[in-house]
N, C-alpha and C. Protein backbone atom coordinates (compact mmCIF):
# COMPACT_ATOMS: atom_id res chain seq x y z
N MET A 1 31.07 -41.25 30.31
CA MET A 1 32.22 -40.40 30.28
C MET A 1 31.88 -38.96 30.66
N ARG A 2 30.70 -38.48 30.19
CA ARG A 2 30.28 -37.12 30.52
C ARG A 2 30.07 -36.93 32.01
N ALA A 3 29.48 -37.89 32.66
CA ALA A 3 29.23 -37.80 34.09
C ALA A 3 30.55 -37.70 34.84
N ARG A 4 31.52 -38.47 34.41
CA ARG A 4 32.83 -38.43 35.06
C ARG A 4 33.49 -37.07 34.87
N ARG A 5 33.36 -36.50 33.70
CA ARG A 5 33.93 -35.18 33.41
C ARG A 5 33.28 -34.12 34.31
N ARG A 6 31.95 -34.20 34.46
CA ARG A 6 31.25 -33.26 35.35
C ARG A 6 31.75 -33.36 36.78
N VAL A 7 31.94 -34.58 37.25
CA VAL A 7 32.44 -34.78 38.62
C VAL A 7 33.82 -34.16 38.77
N VAL A 8 34.66 -34.34 37.78
CA VAL A 8 36.01 -33.78 37.83
C VAL A 8 35.94 -32.25 37.83
N VAL A 9 35.12 -31.67 36.96
CA VAL A 9 34.98 -30.22 36.88
C VAL A 9 34.44 -29.66 38.19
N VAL A 10 33.41 -30.27 38.73
CA VAL A 10 32.84 -29.81 40.00
C VAL A 10 33.86 -29.93 41.12
N THR A 11 34.57 -31.03 41.17
CA THR A 11 35.58 -31.24 42.22
C THR A 11 36.69 -30.20 42.12
N VAL A 12 37.18 -29.96 40.92
CA VAL A 12 38.23 -28.95 40.72
C VAL A 12 37.70 -27.57 41.10
N GLY A 13 36.47 -27.25 40.73
CA GLY A 13 35.87 -25.97 41.08
C GLY A 13 35.75 -25.78 42.58
N LEU A 14 35.28 -26.81 43.27
CA LEU A 14 35.17 -26.74 44.73
C LEU A 14 36.54 -26.60 45.39
N ALA A 15 37.52 -27.32 44.89
CA ALA A 15 38.87 -27.22 45.44
C ALA A 15 39.41 -25.80 45.26
N ALA A 16 39.14 -25.21 44.10
CA ALA A 16 39.60 -23.84 43.85
C ALA A 16 38.93 -22.87 44.81
N LEU A 17 37.64 -23.04 45.06
CA LEU A 17 36.93 -22.18 46.01
C LEU A 17 37.50 -22.31 47.42
N VAL A 18 37.78 -23.53 47.82
CA VAL A 18 38.36 -23.77 49.14
C VAL A 18 39.73 -23.08 49.24
N LEU A 19 40.54 -23.20 48.21
CA LEU A 19 41.86 -22.57 48.22
C LEU A 19 41.77 -21.05 48.28
N VAL A 20 40.83 -20.47 47.54
CA VAL A 20 40.64 -19.02 47.57
C VAL A 20 40.20 -18.57 48.96
N ALA A 21 39.26 -19.29 49.55
CA ALA A 21 38.79 -18.94 50.90
C ALA A 21 39.91 -19.07 51.92
N LEU A 22 40.68 -20.13 51.83
CA LEU A 22 41.80 -20.34 52.75
C LEU A 22 42.83 -19.23 52.59
N GLY A 23 43.13 -18.84 51.36
CA GLY A 23 44.06 -17.73 51.11
C GLY A 23 43.57 -16.43 51.71
N ALA A 24 42.27 -16.17 51.60
CA ALA A 24 41.71 -14.94 52.17
C ALA A 24 41.83 -14.94 53.68
N VAL A 25 41.55 -16.07 54.31
CA VAL A 25 41.65 -16.17 55.78
C VAL A 25 43.09 -15.98 56.23
N LEU A 26 44.02 -16.67 55.57
CA LEU A 26 45.43 -16.55 55.95
C LEU A 26 45.96 -15.15 55.67
N GLY A 27 45.55 -14.54 54.59
CA GLY A 27 45.98 -13.17 54.28
C GLY A 27 45.47 -12.19 55.32
N THR A 28 44.21 -12.33 55.73
CA THR A 28 43.65 -11.46 56.76
C THR A 28 44.38 -11.64 58.07
N ARG A 29 44.68 -12.88 58.42
CA ARG A 29 45.40 -13.16 59.66
C ARG A 29 46.81 -12.55 59.63
N ALA A 30 47.49 -12.63 58.48
CA ALA A 30 48.84 -12.07 58.36
C ALA A 30 48.82 -10.57 58.53
N VAL A 31 47.82 -9.90 57.95
CA VAL A 31 47.70 -8.45 58.10
C VAL A 31 47.41 -8.11 59.56
N ALA A 32 46.53 -8.84 60.20
CA ALA A 32 46.22 -8.59 61.62
C ALA A 32 47.45 -8.80 62.48
N ASP A 33 48.24 -9.84 62.20
CA ASP A 33 49.46 -10.07 62.97
C ASP A 33 50.44 -8.93 62.80
N ALA A 34 50.62 -8.44 61.58
CA ALA A 34 51.54 -7.33 61.33
C ALA A 34 51.07 -6.06 62.04
N ARG A 35 49.77 -5.84 62.08
CA ARG A 35 49.23 -4.64 62.73
C ARG A 35 49.40 -4.67 64.24
N SER A 36 49.54 -5.85 64.83
CA SER A 36 49.65 -5.93 66.27
C SER A 36 51.06 -6.25 66.76
N ARG A 37 52.00 -6.45 65.85
CA ARG A 37 53.39 -6.75 66.23
C ARG A 37 53.99 -5.51 66.90
N PRO A 38 54.45 -5.62 68.15
CA PRO A 38 54.98 -4.45 68.86
C PRO A 38 56.22 -3.87 68.17
N LEU A 39 56.33 -2.56 68.26
CA LEU A 39 57.53 -1.87 67.78
C LEU A 39 58.63 -2.00 68.82
N PRO A 40 59.88 -1.74 68.43
CA PRO A 40 60.91 -1.62 69.47
C PRO A 40 60.63 -0.34 70.28
N PRO A 41 61.11 -0.26 71.51
CA PRO A 41 60.84 0.93 72.33
C PRO A 41 61.29 2.24 71.69
N ASP A 42 62.40 2.23 70.95
CA ASP A 42 62.87 3.43 70.27
C ASP A 42 63.20 3.04 68.84
N VAL A 43 62.38 3.49 67.89
CA VAL A 43 62.59 3.14 66.48
C VAL A 43 63.85 3.82 65.95
N THR A 44 64.41 3.28 64.88
CA THR A 44 65.62 3.86 64.30
C THR A 44 65.33 4.86 63.19
N ALA A 45 64.09 4.88 62.71
CA ALA A 45 63.68 5.82 61.66
C ALA A 45 62.20 6.11 61.83
N PRO A 46 61.75 7.28 61.36
CA PRO A 46 60.32 7.58 61.45
C PRO A 46 59.50 6.48 60.76
N THR A 47 58.38 6.13 61.36
CA THR A 47 57.52 5.09 60.81
C THR A 47 56.09 5.32 61.22
N GLN A 48 55.17 4.90 60.36
CA GLN A 48 53.76 4.92 60.73
C GLN A 48 53.45 3.59 61.40
N ALA A 49 52.67 3.66 62.47
CA ALA A 49 52.35 2.43 63.20
C ALA A 49 50.91 2.51 63.69
N TYR A 50 50.36 1.34 63.99
CA TYR A 50 49.05 1.27 64.62
C TYR A 50 49.23 1.49 66.11
N ALA A 51 48.25 2.10 66.74
CA ALA A 51 48.34 2.39 68.17
C ALA A 51 48.60 1.12 68.98
N VAL A 52 48.06 -0.02 68.57
CA VAL A 52 48.27 -1.27 69.31
C VAL A 52 49.71 -1.76 69.22
N GLN A 53 50.54 -1.19 68.36
CA GLN A 53 51.93 -1.58 68.24
C GLN A 53 52.85 -0.81 69.19
N LEU A 54 52.32 0.25 69.80
CA LEU A 54 53.15 1.10 70.66
C LEU A 54 53.48 0.40 71.97
N VAL A 55 54.67 0.71 72.49
CA VAL A 55 55.14 0.15 73.75
C VAL A 55 55.73 1.28 74.58
N THR A 56 56.02 1.00 75.84
CA THR A 56 56.68 1.99 76.68
C THR A 56 57.98 2.40 76.01
N GLY A 57 58.14 3.70 75.83
CA GLY A 57 59.31 4.25 75.16
C GLY A 57 59.01 4.82 73.79
N SER A 58 57.91 4.42 73.14
CA SER A 58 57.58 4.92 71.81
C SER A 58 57.37 6.43 71.85
N CYS A 59 58.04 7.14 70.92
CA CYS A 59 57.91 8.60 70.82
C CYS A 59 57.07 8.96 69.61
N LEU A 60 56.11 9.87 69.80
CA LEU A 60 55.17 10.24 68.74
C LEU A 60 55.50 11.63 68.22
N ALA A 61 55.58 11.74 66.89
CA ALA A 61 55.86 13.03 66.27
C ALA A 61 54.80 14.05 66.66
N GLU A 62 53.54 13.66 66.61
CA GLU A 62 52.41 14.52 66.96
C GLU A 62 51.45 13.74 67.83
N LEU A 63 50.73 14.42 68.68
CA LEU A 63 49.69 13.79 69.47
C LEU A 63 48.38 13.93 68.70
N PRO A 64 47.75 12.82 68.33
CA PRO A 64 46.47 12.91 67.62
C PRO A 64 45.41 13.60 68.48
N GLY A 65 44.41 14.12 67.83
CA GLY A 65 43.30 14.75 68.56
C GLY A 65 42.54 13.74 69.39
N ASP A 66 41.66 14.24 70.24
CA ASP A 66 40.85 13.36 71.07
C ASP A 66 40.02 12.43 70.21
N GLY A 67 39.73 11.26 70.74
CA GLY A 67 38.91 10.29 70.03
C GLY A 67 39.70 9.02 69.77
N GLU A 68 39.11 8.17 68.95
CA GLU A 68 39.72 6.89 68.64
C GLU A 68 40.99 7.09 67.82
N VAL A 69 42.05 6.40 68.21
CA VAL A 69 43.35 6.52 67.54
C VAL A 69 43.63 5.22 66.79
N ASP A 70 43.95 5.33 65.51
CA ASP A 70 44.27 4.16 64.71
C ASP A 70 45.76 4.14 64.41
N ARG A 71 46.23 5.07 63.58
CA ARG A 71 47.64 5.11 63.18
C ARG A 71 48.29 6.39 63.68
N VAL A 72 49.59 6.28 63.98
CA VAL A 72 50.36 7.42 64.47
C VAL A 72 51.74 7.40 63.82
N ASP A 73 52.39 8.56 63.84
CA ASP A 73 53.76 8.67 63.35
C ASP A 73 54.70 8.54 64.53
N VAL A 74 55.52 7.50 64.51
CA VAL A 74 56.49 7.23 65.57
C VAL A 74 57.86 7.66 65.06
N VAL A 75 58.62 8.34 65.93
CA VAL A 75 59.94 8.82 65.55
C VAL A 75 60.98 8.36 66.57
N PRO A 76 62.26 8.34 66.17
CA PRO A 76 63.29 8.07 67.16
C PRO A 76 63.22 9.15 68.25
N CYS A 77 63.43 8.77 69.49
CA CYS A 77 63.29 9.72 70.59
C CYS A 77 64.35 10.82 70.54
N ALA A 78 65.43 10.62 69.79
CA ALA A 78 66.45 11.67 69.63
C ALA A 78 65.93 12.82 68.77
N GLU A 79 64.86 12.57 68.02
CA GLU A 79 64.24 13.62 67.19
C GLU A 79 63.16 14.32 68.00
N PRO A 80 62.84 15.58 67.65
CA PRO A 80 61.76 16.27 68.37
C PRO A 80 60.45 15.47 68.28
N HIS A 81 59.78 15.39 69.41
CA HIS A 81 58.50 14.67 69.45
C HIS A 81 57.56 15.34 70.44
N ALA A 82 56.26 15.12 70.22
CA ALA A 82 55.22 15.80 70.99
C ALA A 82 54.69 14.96 72.15
N ALA A 83 54.99 13.67 72.17
CA ALA A 83 54.48 12.79 73.23
C ALA A 83 55.31 11.51 73.26
N GLN A 84 55.25 10.84 74.41
CA GLN A 84 55.95 9.57 74.55
C GLN A 84 55.14 8.63 75.42
N VAL A 85 55.08 7.35 75.03
CA VAL A 85 54.44 6.34 75.87
C VAL A 85 55.38 6.09 77.05
N VAL A 86 54.88 6.35 78.26
CA VAL A 86 55.72 6.18 79.45
C VAL A 86 55.28 5.01 80.32
N ALA A 87 54.13 4.43 80.04
CA ALA A 87 53.68 3.26 80.79
C ALA A 87 52.59 2.55 80.00
N GLN A 88 52.46 1.26 80.29
CA GLN A 88 51.39 0.45 79.72
C GLN A 88 50.61 -0.17 80.87
N TYR A 89 49.32 -0.32 80.66
CA TYR A 89 48.47 -0.99 81.64
C TYR A 89 47.87 -2.21 80.98
N ALA A 90 48.11 -3.37 81.57
CA ALA A 90 47.59 -4.62 81.02
C ALA A 90 46.34 -5.03 81.79
N PHE A 91 45.20 -4.99 81.11
CA PHE A 91 43.96 -5.49 81.69
C PHE A 91 44.04 -7.00 81.76
N ASP A 92 43.36 -7.59 82.73
CA ASP A 92 43.29 -9.04 82.82
C ASP A 92 42.63 -9.56 81.55
N PRO A 93 43.21 -10.58 80.93
CA PRO A 93 42.64 -11.10 79.67
C PRO A 93 41.21 -11.58 79.81
N THR A 94 40.79 -11.96 81.02
CA THR A 94 39.43 -12.45 81.22
C THR A 94 38.49 -11.38 81.79
N ALA A 95 38.99 -10.16 81.92
CA ALA A 95 38.19 -9.09 82.51
C ALA A 95 36.97 -8.78 81.64
N VAL A 96 35.93 -8.30 82.30
CA VAL A 96 34.71 -7.86 81.63
C VAL A 96 34.91 -6.39 81.24
N TRP A 97 34.38 -6.00 80.09
CA TRP A 97 34.48 -4.62 79.60
C TRP A 97 34.03 -3.66 80.71
N PRO A 98 34.92 -2.74 81.15
CA PRO A 98 34.59 -1.83 82.25
C PRO A 98 33.87 -0.55 81.82
N GLY A 99 33.60 -0.41 80.54
CA GLY A 99 33.07 0.84 80.00
C GLY A 99 34.24 1.76 79.66
N GLN A 100 34.01 2.70 78.75
CA GLN A 100 35.11 3.56 78.28
C GLN A 100 35.69 4.39 79.42
N ASP A 101 34.83 5.00 80.24
CA ASP A 101 35.34 5.80 81.36
C ASP A 101 36.10 4.94 82.35
N GLY A 102 35.59 3.75 82.63
CA GLY A 102 36.27 2.83 83.55
C GLY A 102 37.61 2.38 83.00
N ALA A 103 37.69 2.13 81.71
CA ALA A 103 38.95 1.72 81.09
C ALA A 103 39.98 2.84 81.22
N HIS A 104 39.57 4.08 80.92
CA HIS A 104 40.51 5.20 81.05
C HIS A 104 40.94 5.40 82.51
N ALA A 105 40.03 5.23 83.44
CA ALA A 105 40.37 5.40 84.86
C ALA A 105 41.41 4.37 85.29
N ARG A 106 41.27 3.14 84.84
CA ARG A 106 42.24 2.10 85.22
C ARG A 106 43.60 2.38 84.61
N VAL A 107 43.62 2.81 83.36
CA VAL A 107 44.89 3.14 82.71
C VAL A 107 45.54 4.33 83.43
N ALA A 108 44.75 5.31 83.81
CA ALA A 108 45.29 6.51 84.47
C ALA A 108 46.04 6.17 85.75
N ARG A 109 45.64 5.10 86.43
CA ARG A 109 46.35 4.71 87.66
C ARG A 109 47.79 4.31 87.39
N ALA A 110 48.09 3.91 86.17
CA ALA A 110 49.46 3.52 85.81
C ALA A 110 50.31 4.72 85.41
N CYS A 111 49.71 5.89 85.32
CA CYS A 111 50.40 7.08 84.83
C CYS A 111 50.97 7.88 86.00
N VAL A 112 52.28 7.86 86.13
CA VAL A 112 52.93 8.60 87.20
C VAL A 112 54.04 9.44 86.60
N LEU A 113 53.98 10.74 86.83
CA LEU A 113 55.03 11.64 86.39
C LEU A 113 55.88 12.03 87.59
N SER A 114 57.13 12.37 87.34
CA SER A 114 58.00 12.85 88.43
C SER A 114 57.59 14.27 88.80
N ASP A 115 58.00 14.71 89.96
CA ASP A 115 57.71 16.09 90.39
C ASP A 115 58.30 17.09 89.40
N ASP A 116 59.51 16.80 88.88
CA ASP A 116 60.14 17.70 87.91
C ASP A 116 59.32 17.78 86.62
N GLU A 117 58.78 16.65 86.17
CA GLU A 117 57.97 16.65 84.96
C GLU A 117 56.69 17.45 85.16
N VAL A 118 56.05 17.27 86.30
CA VAL A 118 54.84 18.03 86.61
C VAL A 118 55.15 19.52 86.66
N ALA A 119 56.26 19.88 87.31
CA ALA A 119 56.66 21.29 87.41
C ALA A 119 56.96 21.88 86.03
N ALA A 120 57.42 21.05 85.11
CA ALA A 120 57.74 21.52 83.76
C ALA A 120 56.50 21.61 82.87
N GLY A 121 55.34 21.26 83.40
CA GLY A 121 54.10 21.37 82.63
C GLY A 121 53.75 20.14 81.81
N VAL A 122 54.44 19.03 82.05
CA VAL A 122 54.12 17.80 81.33
C VAL A 122 52.77 17.30 81.84
N ARG A 123 51.92 16.88 80.92
CA ARG A 123 50.61 16.33 81.30
C ARG A 123 50.51 14.89 80.81
N VAL A 124 49.54 14.19 81.32
CA VAL A 124 49.32 12.79 80.96
C VAL A 124 48.07 12.68 80.10
N VAL A 125 48.17 11.84 79.08
CA VAL A 125 47.03 11.47 78.25
C VAL A 125 46.94 9.95 78.29
N THR A 126 45.72 9.43 78.48
CA THR A 126 45.54 7.98 78.49
C THR A 126 44.87 7.52 77.20
N TRP A 127 45.34 6.39 76.72
CA TRP A 127 44.68 5.71 75.61
C TRP A 127 44.25 4.35 76.14
N ALA A 128 42.97 4.09 76.06
CA ALA A 128 42.42 2.82 76.55
C ALA A 128 41.73 2.11 75.39
N PRO A 129 41.62 0.78 75.49
CA PRO A 129 40.90 0.06 74.44
C PRO A 129 39.47 0.59 74.32
N THR A 130 38.96 0.58 73.10
CA THR A 130 37.56 0.91 72.88
C THR A 130 36.75 -0.38 73.04
N GLU A 131 35.45 -0.25 73.08
CA GLU A 131 34.62 -1.45 73.22
C GLU A 131 34.82 -2.41 72.04
N PRO A 132 34.85 -1.91 70.77
CA PRO A 132 35.12 -2.85 69.67
C PRO A 132 36.52 -3.47 69.77
N GLY A 133 37.51 -2.67 70.17
CA GLY A 133 38.86 -3.20 70.34
C GLY A 133 38.91 -4.25 71.43
N TRP A 134 38.20 -4.00 72.51
CA TRP A 134 38.11 -4.95 73.62
C TRP A 134 37.53 -6.28 73.11
N ALA A 135 36.47 -6.17 72.32
CA ALA A 135 35.83 -7.37 71.77
C ALA A 135 36.79 -8.15 70.88
N ASP A 136 37.74 -7.44 70.26
CA ASP A 136 38.75 -8.09 69.41
C ASP A 136 39.97 -8.56 70.20
N GLY A 137 39.96 -8.37 71.53
CA GLY A 137 41.05 -8.87 72.36
C GLY A 137 42.06 -7.85 72.82
N ASP A 138 41.88 -6.57 72.48
CA ASP A 138 42.82 -5.53 72.94
C ASP A 138 42.64 -5.32 74.43
N ARG A 139 43.67 -5.57 75.21
CA ARG A 139 43.62 -5.42 76.67
C ARG A 139 44.77 -4.57 77.19
N THR A 140 45.30 -3.66 76.34
CA THR A 140 46.42 -2.83 76.77
C THR A 140 46.05 -1.36 76.67
N GLY A 141 46.28 -0.64 77.76
CA GLY A 141 46.11 0.81 77.79
C GLY A 141 47.48 1.46 77.81
N LEU A 142 47.55 2.70 77.33
CA LEU A 142 48.82 3.42 77.27
C LEU A 142 48.74 4.74 78.02
N CYS A 143 49.84 5.10 78.67
CA CYS A 143 50.02 6.40 79.32
C CYS A 143 51.00 7.19 78.49
N LEU A 144 50.61 8.36 78.07
CA LEU A 144 51.50 9.21 77.28
C LEU A 144 51.85 10.46 78.07
N ALA A 145 53.14 10.80 78.08
CA ALA A 145 53.61 12.06 78.64
C ALA A 145 53.60 13.07 77.51
N VAL A 146 52.94 14.20 77.76
CA VAL A 146 52.81 15.24 76.74
C VAL A 146 53.38 16.54 77.29
N PRO A 147 54.57 16.93 76.82
CA PRO A 147 55.16 18.18 77.29
C PRO A 147 54.49 19.39 76.63
N PRO A 148 54.65 20.58 77.23
CA PRO A 148 54.04 21.77 76.62
C PRO A 148 54.66 22.14 75.27
N GLU A 149 55.90 21.72 75.04
CA GLU A 149 56.60 21.95 73.77
C GLU A 149 57.30 20.65 73.39
N PRO A 150 57.58 20.45 72.09
CA PRO A 150 58.30 19.23 71.70
C PRO A 150 59.62 19.08 72.45
N VAL A 151 59.99 17.83 72.66
CA VAL A 151 61.24 17.50 73.35
C VAL A 151 62.05 16.52 72.51
N THR A 152 63.32 16.39 72.87
CA THR A 152 64.15 15.30 72.37
C THR A 152 64.55 14.49 73.60
N GLY A 153 64.97 13.26 73.38
CA GLY A 153 65.31 12.41 74.51
C GLY A 153 64.09 11.67 75.00
N SER A 154 64.22 11.10 76.19
CA SER A 154 63.18 10.20 76.69
C SER A 154 62.77 10.54 78.11
N PHE A 155 61.46 10.52 78.35
CA PHE A 155 60.95 10.64 79.72
C PHE A 155 61.25 9.36 80.50
N VAL A 156 61.32 8.24 79.78
CA VAL A 156 61.52 6.95 80.44
C VAL A 156 62.87 6.89 81.14
N ASP A 157 63.92 7.41 80.47
CA ASP A 157 65.24 7.37 81.10
C ASP A 157 65.69 8.72 81.66
N GLY A 158 64.80 9.71 81.63
CA GLY A 158 65.10 11.01 82.23
C GLY A 158 65.94 11.95 81.37
N THR A 159 66.07 11.65 80.07
CA THR A 159 66.89 12.49 79.20
C THR A 159 66.08 13.49 78.38
N ALA A 160 64.79 13.58 78.60
CA ALA A 160 63.95 14.49 77.78
C ALA A 160 64.30 15.93 78.08
N THR A 161 64.58 16.69 77.03
CA THR A 161 64.83 18.12 77.15
C THR A 161 64.10 18.83 76.02
N ARG A 162 63.79 20.09 76.24
CA ARG A 162 63.08 20.88 75.25
C ARG A 162 63.87 20.88 73.93
N ALA A 163 63.16 20.60 72.83
CA ALA A 163 63.80 20.57 71.51
C ALA A 163 64.15 21.98 71.08
N GLY A 164 65.23 22.09 70.33
CA GLY A 164 65.57 23.39 69.75
C GLY A 164 66.62 24.02 70.49
C-alpha cells in the first residue's frame, strides 16, 4: 500500500510541475503577443505602447532620445505631438542581419517627405530593429516625421499644422 501511495504522490507532483511549467510558457507567450499586437493608426486616447506596436499613422507625444526604444507615449493625432510614423519598411523575413547601420540605411530609403514638409523644417528619424530584436523576429523599420515644433493633425493625410 505504501508503494502505491508513493507512486500516486510522485505522479501528482510531476503533473503539478508540468502544469506550472505549461502555465509559465503560455503566460509568457500571451505577454509577448500583447506586446506585438499593432495599434490602430490613430488611437482614440493617449496610451503607452511598445515600439513594435507602432504602425504608419501613429503619433508620438514625445520623441525618445537616441538609442534603443522600448515604450513610447502614443496620442491621438488631433492632439499636439512631436513625431509621427509616416512609413514602415518590411525586411524580408529570411534576410540576414545587415548590421545596425545597414538596417537604418534600408529603412531610410522608405522615408520620403514632401517638398512642403522639408521646407517647413520637418526631419526624418529612422527606427530599425536591433540585433537582439532581429534575432527575436523583428523585421519592421519605422520612418518618423519630426517637425521643429509640435503639430496637430497628420503628415500621412496632409493635415498636420503647428499646434497652438
